Amino acid sequence: MPDFTRLLTALFLTCLSAFAHGEKLRIVTEPWAPYVYLEDGQAKGIDYEVTAEVFKRLGVEVEWQFLPWKRCLAMIEQGLADGVLDIFQTEQRDSQLFYPSEPLSDVEFTLFYANDRPHKVKRLEDLRGLTVGTSPGYSYGAAFIESPLFTREPAPTHEANFGKLQRGRIDLLITDRRVGRYLVRNLGLEQQISELPLVISRQSQYLAVRRNVGMDLLAQRFAAELRRFKREPAYAALHARYASAGENFQPAVEQQEHSTR
């Protein structure tokens, strides 16, 4: 084994030594179905299952916490969590987090409207004068966030946003296409809520870890194992299982443009 490889292996084992002595990697995330969510107290979701399998292969035990997104970000900033699942990458976050080079999944932020109050939106300028429901701590791209043409109104949960849309308290809401479809179906709103074809932004989601000694090596090992897993039949079977449940997932590809959830 080359000396450099020996060094990397030693450093990686060192950074995992705490976990080997009974401590678990603390990962925080917000329920973001169908990527990651709780069902009857059990963690589920395509990104959750992929991440859990990769850490299992790496021999890393994980303690999961499901919290509101702003709280997840605060936990990372305060050093109370080791990593965060399904976060987008930005220059601002690069000073706090190590990102694996391999993404878990891709998202497309789109707009949803109430069928009895339709709005024709083919470009961002068509939102002039409207109120769009958002989620605290989420970023949907600079053009959307910085536009002075419309009002952005946050809600505490994704379900609350759809309730506000249904009751006419907002004109539209923005969320990931798959997340929106999942909620519309599970809230029984198929006849009341529809989505617009306009894509506000596209980004990749990652499992990122807090900048600490040896954690960059953990991120590298995670990326390498994730790439291996993506080439296996088990990964395709996992995607097929969610697809059969109504989720049209596509494997993530690396992109040049990033934002942060």
Protein backbone atom coordinates (compact mmCIF):
# COMPACT_ATOMS: atom_id res chain seq x y z
CA MET A 1 0.00 0.00 0.00
CA PRO A 2 1.49 3.40 -0.97
CA ASP A 3 2.46 5.68 1.92
CA PHE A 4 -0.12 8.29 0.92
CA THR A 5 -2.89 5.70 0.96
CA ARG A 6 -1.71 4.45 4.34
CA LEU A 7 -1.85 8.01 5.68
CA LEU A 8 -5.38 8.60 4.38
CA THR A 9 -6.56 5.32 5.85
CA ALA A 10 -4.99 6.14 9.23
CA LEU A 11 -6.58 9.59 9.29
CA PHE A 12 -9.96 8.19 8.34
CA LEU A 13 -9.78 5.60 11.11
CA THR A 14 -8.76 8.34 13.54
CA CYS A 15 -11.76 10.51 12.69
CA LEU A 16 -14.02 7.50 13.27
CA SER A 17 -12.42 6.53 16.57
CA ALA A 18 -15.01 8.43 18.59
CA PHE A 19 -17.81 6.56 16.84
CA ALA A 20 -16.06 3.27 17.52
CA HIS A 21 -16.24 4.04 21.26
CA GLY A 22 -20.01 4.20 21.32
CA GLU A 23 -20.60 7.70 19.98
CA LYS A 24 -22.79 8.03 16.93
CA LEU A 25 -22.61 10.46 14.05
CA ARG A 26 -25.35 13.01 14.73
CA ILE A 27 -27.26 13.78 11.52
CA VAL A 28 -30.11 16.30 11.45
CA THR A 29 -32.70 16.80 8.75
CA GLU A 30 -36.22 18.06 8.21
CA PRO A 31 -38.99 15.72 7.03
CA TRP A 32 -38.90 16.26 3.26
CA ALA A 33 -41.01 13.46 1.88
CA PRO A 34 -40.44 11.51 -0.25
CA TYR A 35 -36.68 12.07 0.16
CA VAL A 36 -36.62 11.68 3.96
CA TYR A 37 -39.54 11.46 6.39
CA LEU A 38 -41.06 9.67 9.37
CA GLU A 39 -43.91 7.20 9.05
CA ASP A 40 -45.30 5.71 12.25
CA GLY A 41 -42.09 6.74 13.97
CA GLN A 42 -39.88 5.00 11.40
CA ALA A 43 -37.45 6.93 9.21
CA LYS A 44 -38.02 6.42 5.50
CA GLY A 45 -37.32 8.04 2.14
CA ILE A 46 -35.06 7.42 -0.82
CA ASP A 47 -32.24 9.69 0.35
CA TYR A 48 -32.51 8.45 3.92
CA GLU A 49 -32.27 4.81 2.87
CA VAL A 50 -29.35 5.44 0.52
CA THR A 51 -27.48 7.40 3.21
CA ALA A 52 -28.16 4.78 5.88
CA GLU A 53 -26.84 2.04 3.59
CA VAL A 54 -23.67 3.96 2.75
CA PHE A 55 -22.90 4.62 6.42
CA LYS A 56 -23.60 0.98 7.22
CA ARG A 57 -21.01 -0.04 4.65
CA LEU A 58 -18.55 2.45 6.15
CA GLY A 59 -19.14 1.05 9.62
CA VAL A 60 -20.49 4.34 10.97
CA GLU A 61 -23.44 4.37 13.38
CA VAL A 62 -25.81 7.31 12.98
CA GLU A 63 -28.16 9.08 15.36
CA TRP A 64 -30.93 10.78 13.40
CA GLN A 65 -32.84 13.88 14.48
CA PHE A 66 -35.83 15.28 12.58
CA LEU A 67 -36.24 19.01 13.19
CA PRO A 68 -37.52 22.16 11.44
CA TRP A 69 -35.01 23.20 8.80
CA LYS A 70 -33.90 26.43 10.50
CA ARG A 71 -33.23 24.44 13.65
CA CYS A 72 -31.15 21.95 11.63
CA LEU A 73 -29.00 24.78 10.34
CA ALA A 74 -28.66 26.24 13.84
CA MET A 75 -27.56 22.84 15.19
CA ILE A 76 -24.79 22.73 12.61
CA GLU A 77 -23.69 26.31 13.33
CA GLN A 78 -23.61 25.64 17.09
CA GLY A 79 -21.66 22.41 16.72
CA LEU A 80 -24.55 20.35 18.12
CA ALA A 81 -24.80 18.14 15.02
CA ASP A 82 -22.15 16.42 12.90
CA GLY A 83 -23.96 16.54 9.60
CA VAL A 84 -27.15 17.41 7.75
CA LEU A 85 -29.07 15.39 5.19
CA ASP A 86 -30.45 16.81 1.93
CA ILE A 87 -28.82 20.21 1.92
CA PHE A 88 -27.91 22.25 -1.14
CA GLN A 89 -24.41 23.64 -1.60
CA THR A 90 -23.54 27.35 -1.50
CA GLU A 91 -20.40 29.39 -1.02
CA GLN A 92 -21.76 30.57 2.34
CA ARG A 93 -22.11 27.00 3.60
CA ASP A 94 -18.66 25.96 2.34
CA SER A 95 -17.07 27.60 5.36
CA GLN A 96 -19.09 25.36 7.70
CA LEU A 97 -19.54 22.09 5.85
CA PHE A 98 -17.69 19.48 3.83
CA TYR A 99 -19.71 18.24 0.86
CA PRO A 100 -19.12 14.84 -0.75
CA SER A 101 -18.40 15.13 -4.46
CA GLU A 102 -21.35 12.83 -5.20
CA PRO A 103 -24.92 14.16 -4.71
CA LEU A 104 -27.77 12.05 -3.36
CA SER A 105 -30.56 13.42 -5.53
CA ASP A 106 -31.73 16.38 -7.61
CA VAL A 107 -34.69 18.67 -6.99
CA GLU A 108 -36.76 21.00 -9.15
CA PHE A 109 -38.51 23.90 -7.44
CA THR A 110 -41.88 24.58 -9.05
CA LEU A 111 -45.04 26.51 -8.24
CA PHE A 112 -48.39 25.08 -7.12
CA TYR A 113 -51.77 26.83 -7.37
CA ALA A 114 -55.39 26.31 -6.32
CA ASN A 115 -57.52 25.15 -9.25
CA ASP A 116 -60.27 27.66 -8.43
CA ARG A 117 -57.73 30.51 -8.45
CA PRO A 118 -55.39 29.74 -11.36
CA HIS A 119 -52.45 31.93 -12.30
CA LYS A 120 -50.63 31.82 -15.61
CA VAL A 121 -46.94 32.01 -14.79
CA LYS A 122 -44.48 31.37 -17.60
CA ARG A 123 -41.63 33.48 -16.20
CA LEU A 124 -40.67 35.07 -12.89
CA GLU A 125 -42.03 38.46 -13.96
CA ASP A 126 -45.54 36.96 -14.10
CA LEU A 127 -45.52 36.77 -10.29
CA ARG A 128 -45.85 40.56 -10.06
CA GLY A 129 -48.19 41.54 -7.21
CA LEU A 130 -48.74 37.97 -6.00
CA THR A 131 -47.96 36.30 -2.67
CA VAL A 132 -45.96 33.08 -2.82
CA GLY A 133 -45.74 30.68 0.11
CA THR A 134 -42.21 29.63 1.08
CA SER A 135 -40.46 27.60 3.79
CA PRO A 136 -38.16 29.23 6.40
CA GLY A 137 -34.46 28.67 5.79
CA TYR A 138 -34.93 27.52 2.20
CA SER A 139 -33.33 29.25 -0.76
CA TYR A 140 -34.84 29.00 -4.21
CA GLY A 141 -32.18 30.82 -6.21
CA ALA A 142 -31.11 34.46 -6.16
CA ALA A 143 -33.56 35.57 -8.85
CA PHE A 144 -36.55 34.32 -6.85
CA ILE A 145 -35.30 35.43 -3.43
CA GLU A 146 -34.23 38.93 -4.49
CA SER A 147 -37.10 39.84 -6.79
CA PRO A 148 -39.05 42.92 -5.62
CA LEU A 149 -42.04 42.08 -7.82
CA PHE A 150 -43.88 39.75 -5.43
CA THR A 151 -44.25 38.89 -1.75
CA ARG A 152 -42.71 35.80 -0.15
CA GLU A 153 -44.65 34.54 2.86
CA PRO A 154 -43.16 31.71 4.97
CA ALA A 155 -45.14 28.99 6.72
CA PRO A 156 -43.93 26.74 9.57
CA THR A 157 -44.49 23.50 7.63
CA HIS A 158 -45.03 22.34 4.05
CA GLU A 159 -48.48 21.09 5.05
CA ALA A 160 -49.34 24.54 6.43
CA ASN A 161 -48.35 26.10 3.11
CA PHE A 162 -50.76 23.86 1.22
CA GLY A 163 -53.48 24.69 3.74
CA LYS A 164 -52.92 28.42 3.16
CA LEU A 165 -53.05 27.87 -0.59
CA GLN A 166 -56.26 25.88 -0.30
CA ARG A 167 -57.89 28.63 1.81
CA GLY A 168 -56.74 31.46 -0.49
CA ARG A 169 -54.35 33.06 1.98
CA ILE A 170 -51.55 32.87 -0.60
CA ASP A 171 -51.70 32.90 -4.40
CA LEU A 172 -49.08 30.22 -5.05
CA LEU A 173 -46.53 28.17 -3.18
CA ILE A 174 -43.06 27.01 -4.15
CA THR A 175 -41.60 23.62 -3.31
CA ASP A 176 -39.79 20.73 -4.92
CA ARG A 177 -41.88 19.05 -7.58
CA ARG A 178 -41.76 15.57 -5.97
CA VAL A 179 -42.39 16.95 -2.48
CA GLY A 180 -45.38 18.90 -3.76
CA ARG A 181 -46.85 15.92 -5.59
CA TYR A 182 -46.34 13.73 -2.53
CA LEU A 183 -48.18 16.20 -0.28
CA VAL A 184 -51.00 16.84 -2.74
CA ARG A 185 -51.62 13.10 -2.94
CA ASN A 186 -51.32 12.44 0.79
CA LEU A 187 -53.44 15.45 1.77
CA GLY A 188 -56.15 14.39 -0.68
CA LEU A 189 -55.88 17.60 -2.71
CA GLU A 190 -55.58 16.11 -6.20
CA GLN A 191 -58.81 17.80 -7.35
CA GLN A 192 -57.98 21.14 -5.74
CA ILE A 193 -54.25 21.81 -6.29
CA SER A 194 -52.17 21.69 -9.48
CA GLU A 195 -48.58 22.53 -10.42
CA LEU A 196 -47.19 24.87 -13.05
CA PRO A 197 -44.60 23.63 -15.57
CA LEU A 198 -42.21 26.54 -14.88
CA VAL A 199 -39.05 25.39 -13.05
CA ILE A 200 -37.77 28.15 -10.74
CA SER A 201 -34.45 26.41 -10.02
CA ARG A 202 -32.74 23.03 -10.12
CA GLN A 203 -30.24 21.90 -7.49
CA SER A 204 -28.53 18.80 -6.11
CA GLN A 205 -28.97 17.52 -2.57
CA TYR A 206 -26.11 16.24 -0.42
CA LEU A 207 -25.25 14.67 2.88
CA ALA A 208 -22.85 17.29 4.29
CA VAL A 209 -20.73 17.07 7.45
CA ARG A 210 -19.51 19.83 9.74
CA ARG A 211 -15.94 21.02 9.22
CA ASN A 212 -13.94 19.25 11.89
CA VAL A 213 -10.76 17.21 12.13
CA GLY A 214 -10.93 14.26 9.76
CA MET A 215 -14.49 14.97 8.58
CA ASP A 216 -13.29 15.88 5.10
CA LEU A 217 -12.00 12.32 4.80
CA LEU A 218 -15.36 11.00 5.92
CA ALA A 219 -17.00 13.06 3.17
CA GLN A 220 -14.56 11.60 0.62
CA ARG A 221 -15.21 8.05 1.76
CA PHE A 222 -18.95 8.66 1.72
CA ALA A 223 -18.77 9.93 -1.88
CA ALA A 224 -16.69 6.96 -3.02
CA GLU A 225 -19.02 4.43 -1.40
CA LEU A 226 -22.10 6.24 -2.72
CA ARG A 227 -20.71 6.05 -6.26
CA ARG A 228 -20.11 2.32 -5.83
CA PHE A 229 -23.60 1.79 -4.47
CA LYS A 230 -25.17 3.66 -7.39
CA ARG A 231 -23.65 1.11 -9.78
CA GLU A 232 -25.19 -1.87 -7.97
CA PRO A 233 -28.52 -3.62 -8.60
CA ALA A 234 -29.52 -2.88 -4.99
CA TYR A 235 -29.51 0.86 -5.73
CA ALA A 236 -31.69 0.40 -8.81
CA ALA A 237 -34.04 -1.82 -6.80
CA LEU A 238 -34.35 0.86 -4.12
CA HIS A 239 -35.31 3.46 -6.71
CA ALA A 240 -37.72 1.01 -8.34
CA ARG A 241 -39.45 0.42 -5.01
CA TYR A 242 -40.14 4.14 -4.57
CA ALA A 243 -41.11 4.48 -8.23
CA SER A 244 -43.68 1.71 -7.78
CA ALA A 245 -45.10 3.72 -4.88
CA GLY A 246 -45.67 6.66 -7.22
CA GLU A 247 -42.37 8.50 -6.93
CA ASN A 248 -40.57 9.08 -10.22
CA PHE A 249 -36.98 9.33 -8.98
CA GLN A 250 -34.00 9.78 -11.24
CA PRO A 251 -30.39 9.24 -10.10
CA ALA A 252 -28.64 12.47 -9.20
CA VAL A 253 -26.03 13.97 -11.47
CA GLU A 254 -23.43 16.56 -10.54
CA GLN A 255 -24.31 20.15 -11.45
CA GLN A 256 -22.42 23.39 -11.62
CA GLU A 257 -25.10 25.56 -10.05
CA HIS A 258 -25.99 25.07 -6.38
CA SER A 259 -28.19 26.65 -3.76
CA THR A 260 -29.16 25.73 -0.22
CA ARG A 261 -32.24 24.25 1.30
